[in-house]
């Protein structure tokens, strides 16, 4: 899930090339070949053939928002004391 989050954040608001995603998300070539088709197939990313770049879609942005909400809840839960 963290890798998916990183990829979507890298391509958010930017037209991002495959190599930038690979390097910034610290992915191997094989990981990248698995994650990008996965995200494209679920319409979290779109690919522009003309510029050969990826961009996060609205669906991908909604996923990021939900992911961040759960991440915030998890962080808060670490500080809750149960008696």
Foldseek 3Di string as FASTA:
>chain_A
DVLLLQLQVVQEPHFAALVCSCVVSVHDPVVSVVPVVVCVVVQQWDADPVVRGIHGDPVVVVVNVVVVVVVVVVVVVVPDDDD
